[in-house]
Amino acid sequence: MSAGLQRQPRLITLEGGEGAGKSTVLHALRDALLQEGCEVVCTREPGGTPFAERIRGLLLEAGDEPVHERCELLLMFAARAQHVQQKILPALARGAWVISDRFTDSSYAYQGAARSMDMGFIAELERRAVGIEPGLTLLLDIDVTHARQRTRGRDLLNGQSPDRIERERDDFFERVRAGFLVRAQQHPERIRLVDAGADQATVAAAALAALTHYRKGMK
């Protein structure tokens, strides 16, 4: 457990770069827990509450004015603080499982590793504005070239344009991936690496196996 953070055993987070397949895995984990009679709250970051979703819009909208990296980081944590207080902690308090598509590890990877921001500053924000860490994090790891092909195909299929962060260059996402892998090395007791380059069924099965193993250890 990280210093100054309270571990939440029923909080599961999914991490990875763009195109890693987090949505598919989230649905698989949700369905497995529901089949066992658990209450499950699925959410995402940035966002998760109406106010935090408004911050998400500010963060991801591609506009004319460049967004300074410090502004980006602080907005991420503002949305996260609202998310934790208004949605995650109340759900955990009533005994639900919470599965979040992204959480604080993303700030270490995107703003820390990729934008070269001070990791100590991020850790201080995590302690003061968040105060909790997941019991289990599944890191869906995939090479950047493969991931970018997936996102382009997804955007074409859905008629969407890439958001502000998705428009970054490949070297940015290489740094993101490296940042996530460093986090996995630093927190092996919490972060489980899943090969996300395989087909959806294989990735989902690996994620479910990790969840099963984790839950056995909780008993």
Protein backbone atom coordinates (compact mmCIF):
# COMPACT_ATOMS: atom_id res chain seq x y z
CA MET A 1 0.00 0.00 0.00
CA SER A 2 1.30 3.44 -0.88
CA ALA A 3 2.10 5.78 2.00
CA GLY A 4 -0.78 8.04 2.97
CA LEU A 5 -3.35 6.16 0.89
CA GLN A 6 -6.14 3.92 2.11
CA ARG A 7 -6.45 0.74 0.08
CA GLN A 8 -9.97 -0.10 -1.08
CA PRO A 9 -10.22 -3.85 -1.74
CA ARG A 10 -13.44 -3.63 -3.77
CA LEU A 11 -12.14 -0.88 -6.05
CA ILE A 12 -10.83 -2.29 -9.33
CA THR A 13 -9.22 -0.03 -11.90
CA LEU A 14 -8.36 -0.63 -15.53
CA GLU A 15 -5.37 1.12 -17.02
CA GLY A 16 -3.55 1.23 -20.35
CA GLY A 17 -3.04 3.40 -23.37
CA GLU A 18 -5.62 4.33 -25.99
CA GLY A 19 -7.00 1.28 -27.79
CA ALA A 20 -6.06 -1.21 -25.07
CA GLY A 21 -9.62 -2.58 -24.84
CA LYS A 22 -10.55 -1.42 -21.35
CA SER A 23 -14.28 -1.20 -22.13
CA THR A 24 -14.46 -4.85 -23.17
CA VAL A 25 -12.66 -5.97 -20.03
CA LEU A 26 -14.82 -3.74 -17.83
CA HIS A 27 -17.98 -5.37 -19.16
CA ALA A 28 -16.55 -8.86 -18.63
CA LEU A 29 -15.61 -8.12 -15.01
CA ARG A 30 -18.95 -6.46 -14.35
CA ASP A 31 -20.90 -9.43 -15.69
CA ALA A 32 -18.85 -11.91 -13.65
CA LEU A 33 -19.46 -10.01 -10.41
CA LEU A 34 -23.15 -9.52 -11.17
CA GLN A 35 -23.56 -13.26 -11.72
CA GLU A 36 -22.33 -13.77 -8.15
CA GLY A 37 -24.94 -11.37 -6.81
CA CYS A 38 -22.62 -8.44 -6.18
CA GLU A 39 -23.63 -4.84 -6.64
CA VAL A 40 -21.32 -3.34 -9.27
CA VAL A 41 -20.78 0.33 -10.07
CA CYS A 42 -18.99 0.99 -13.36
CA THR A 43 -17.44 4.38 -13.92
CA ARG A 44 -14.68 6.21 -15.76
CA GLU A 45 -12.08 8.95 -15.54
CA PRO A 46 -11.93 11.75 -16.14
CA GLY A 47 -15.62 11.89 -15.31
CA GLY A 48 -17.92 9.63 -13.36
CA THR A 49 -20.25 12.32 -11.94
CA PRO A 50 -22.12 15.11 -13.75
CA PHE A 51 -19.69 17.79 -12.55
CA ALA A 52 -16.62 15.65 -13.26
CA GLU A 53 -17.98 14.92 -16.73
CA ARG A 54 -18.10 18.67 -17.38
CA ILE A 55 -14.41 18.82 -16.45
CA ARG A 56 -13.81 15.90 -18.81
CA GLY A 57 -15.26 17.98 -21.63
CA LEU A 58 -12.83 20.79 -20.87
CA LEU A 59 -9.91 18.36 -20.78
CA LEU A 60 -10.61 16.42 -23.95
CA GLU A 61 -12.15 19.02 -26.25
CA ALA A 62 -9.75 20.00 -29.02
CA GLY A 63 -9.67 23.80 -29.05
CA ASP A 64 -7.50 26.61 -30.34
CA GLU A 65 -5.85 27.43 -27.01
CA PRO A 66 -3.05 25.08 -25.89
CA VAL A 67 -3.69 23.53 -22.48
CA HIS A 68 -0.70 23.87 -20.18
CA GLU A 69 0.38 20.55 -18.65
CA ARG A 70 -0.03 21.88 -15.09
CA CYS A 71 -3.58 22.98 -15.89
CA GLU A 72 -4.29 19.56 -17.38
CA LEU A 73 -2.96 17.78 -14.29
CA LEU A 74 -4.91 19.94 -11.85
CA LEU A 75 -8.13 19.52 -13.80
CA MET A 76 -7.60 15.76 -13.80
CA PHE A 77 -7.28 15.76 -10.03
CA ALA A 78 -10.20 18.13 -9.58
CA ALA A 79 -12.40 15.71 -11.51
CA ARG A 80 -10.93 12.78 -9.58
CA ALA A 81 -11.57 14.39 -6.19
CA GLN A 82 -15.23 14.91 -7.11
CA HIS A 83 -15.44 11.39 -8.48
CA VAL A 84 -14.03 9.82 -5.33
CA GLN A 85 -16.16 11.80 -2.90
CA GLN A 86 -19.45 11.73 -4.76
CA LYS A 87 -19.45 8.31 -6.39
CA ILE A 88 -16.66 5.91 -5.46
CA LEU A 89 -16.60 6.19 -1.66
CA PRO A 90 -20.41 6.11 -1.24
CA ALA A 91 -20.61 2.97 -3.41
CA LEU A 92 -17.83 1.25 -1.47
CA ALA A 93 -19.44 2.25 1.84
CA ARG A 94 -22.61 0.38 0.96
CA GLY A 95 -20.64 -2.74 -0.04
CA ALA A 96 -20.61 -2.39 -3.82
CA TRP A 97 -17.73 -3.25 -6.10
CA VAL A 98 -16.49 -0.32 -8.17
CA ILE A 99 -14.79 -0.80 -11.54
CA SER A 100 -13.23 2.34 -12.98
CA ASP A 101 -11.93 2.83 -16.49
CA ARG A 102 -8.77 4.73 -15.43
CA PHE A 103 -7.75 6.15 -12.07
CA THR A 104 -4.68 7.83 -10.57
CA ASP A 105 -2.13 5.60 -12.33
CA SER A 106 -3.13 7.36 -15.55
CA SER A 107 -1.89 10.69 -14.17
CA TYR A 108 1.50 9.17 -13.43
CA ALA A 109 1.66 7.79 -16.98
CA TYR A 110 0.13 10.63 -19.02
CA GLN A 111 1.08 13.75 -17.09
CA GLY A 112 4.10 12.33 -15.27
CA ALA A 113 5.92 10.09 -17.74
CA ALA A 114 4.61 11.50 -21.02
CA ARG A 115 4.54 15.21 -20.10
CA SER A 116 7.58 15.05 -17.79
CA MET A 117 5.78 16.49 -14.78
CA ASP A 118 7.14 16.09 -11.25
CA MET A 119 6.15 12.67 -9.93
CA GLY A 120 6.47 13.95 -6.37
CA PHE A 121 3.92 16.66 -7.08
CA ILE A 122 1.55 14.06 -8.54
CA ALA A 123 2.02 11.87 -5.45
CA GLU A 124 1.23 14.84 -3.20
CA LEU A 125 -1.95 15.55 -5.16
CA GLU A 126 -2.87 11.88 -4.89
CA ARG A 127 -2.47 11.94 -1.10
CA ARG A 128 -4.29 15.21 -0.55
CA ALA A 129 -7.03 15.13 -3.21
CA VAL A 130 -7.70 11.40 -3.60
CA GLY A 131 -6.56 9.58 -0.46
CA ILE A 132 -7.36 6.06 -1.68
CA GLU A 133 -5.87 3.45 -3.97
CA PRO A 134 -7.45 0.42 -5.68
CA GLY A 135 -7.21 -3.08 -4.33
CA LEU A 136 -6.55 -4.37 -7.85
CA THR A 137 -5.39 -2.65 -11.02
CA LEU A 138 -5.33 -4.46 -14.35
CA LEU A 139 -2.84 -2.88 -16.73
CA LEU A 140 -3.80 -3.74 -20.31
CA ASP A 141 -0.52 -3.54 -22.16
CA ILE A 142 -0.32 -3.27 -25.95
CA ASP A 143 2.27 -1.90 -28.36
CA VAL A 144 1.53 1.59 -29.60
CA THR A 145 1.35 0.74 -33.32
CA HIS A 146 -1.29 -1.95 -32.74
CA ALA A 147 -3.23 0.30 -30.35
CA ARG A 148 -3.28 3.22 -32.80
CA GLN A 149 -4.64 0.96 -35.53
CA ARG A 150 -7.45 -0.04 -33.20
CA THR A 151 -8.36 3.54 -32.31
CA ARG A 152 -8.38 4.64 -35.94
CA GLY A 153 -10.69 1.78 -36.83
CA ARG A 154 -12.96 2.55 -33.89
CA ASP A 155 -13.19 6.25 -34.80
CA LEU A 156 -13.98 5.47 -38.43
CA LEU A 157 -16.67 2.98 -37.39
CA ASN A 158 -18.31 5.42 -34.97
CA GLY A 159 -17.82 8.56 -37.05
CA GLN A 160 -15.81 10.18 -34.25
CA SER A 161 -12.85 12.52 -34.32
CA PRO A 162 -9.90 11.96 -31.96
CA ASP A 163 -10.02 14.03 -28.77
CA ARG A 164 -7.26 16.40 -27.69
CA ILE A 165 -5.14 13.72 -26.02
CA GLU A 166 -5.76 11.08 -28.70
CA ARG A 167 -4.25 13.54 -31.21
CA GLU A 168 -0.82 13.32 -29.57
CA ARG A 169 2.03 11.77 -31.56
CA ASP A 170 3.18 8.17 -31.24
CA ASP A 171 6.24 9.11 -29.16
CA PHE A 172 3.89 10.56 -26.54
CA PHE A 173 2.06 7.23 -26.28
CA GLU A 174 5.35 5.34 -26.13
CA ARG A 175 6.18 7.38 -23.03
CA VAL A 176 2.70 6.67 -21.63
CA ARG A 177 3.24 2.94 -22.09
CA ALA A 178 6.66 3.10 -20.47
CA GLY A 179 5.20 5.05 -17.57
CA PHE A 180 2.54 2.42 -16.95
CA LEU A 181 5.12 -0.37 -17.02
CA VAL A 182 7.22 1.47 -14.45
CA ARG A 183 4.14 1.76 -12.23
CA ALA A 184 3.59 -1.99 -12.55
CA GLN A 185 7.18 -2.63 -11.44
CA GLN A 186 6.78 -0.26 -8.49
CA HIS A 187 3.46 -1.76 -7.32
CA PRO A 188 3.54 -5.50 -8.11
CA GLU A 189 1.24 -6.29 -5.19
CA ARG A 190 -1.57 -4.27 -6.79
CA ILE A 191 -0.99 -4.02 -10.54
CA ARG A 192 -1.44 -7.10 -12.72
CA LEU A 193 -0.17 -6.97 -16.28
CA VAL A 194 -2.51 -8.28 -18.99
CA ASP A 195 -1.38 -8.76 -22.60
CA ALA A 196 -3.94 -6.68 -24.48
CA GLY A 197 -2.56 -7.47 -27.92
CA ALA A 198 -4.53 -10.71 -28.15
CA ASP A 199 -8.13 -11.08 -29.31
CA GLN A 200 -10.92 -9.72 -27.10
CA ALA A 201 -11.98 -13.11 -25.73
CA THR A 202 -8.44 -14.01 -24.69
CA VAL A 203 -7.86 -10.63 -23.03
CA ALA A 204 -11.18 -10.84 -21.18
CA ALA A 205 -10.38 -14.37 -20.00
CA ALA A 206 -6.99 -13.26 -18.65
CA ALA A 207 -8.61 -10.35 -16.83
CA LEU A 208 -11.26 -12.62 -15.31
CA ALA A 209 -8.57 -15.05 -14.16
CA ALA A 210 -6.73 -12.18 -12.46
CA LEU A 211 -9.95 -11.11 -10.72
CA THR A 212 -10.66 -14.65 -9.54
CA HIS A 213 -7.15 -15.01 -8.16
CA TYR A 214 -7.43 -11.66 -6.39
CA ARG A 215 -10.77 -12.46 -4.80
CA LYS A 216 -9.49 -15.80 -3.50
CA GLY A 217 -6.73 -13.91 -1.74
CA MET A 218 -9.29 -11.66 -0.05
CA LYS A 219 -10.96 -14.56 1.79
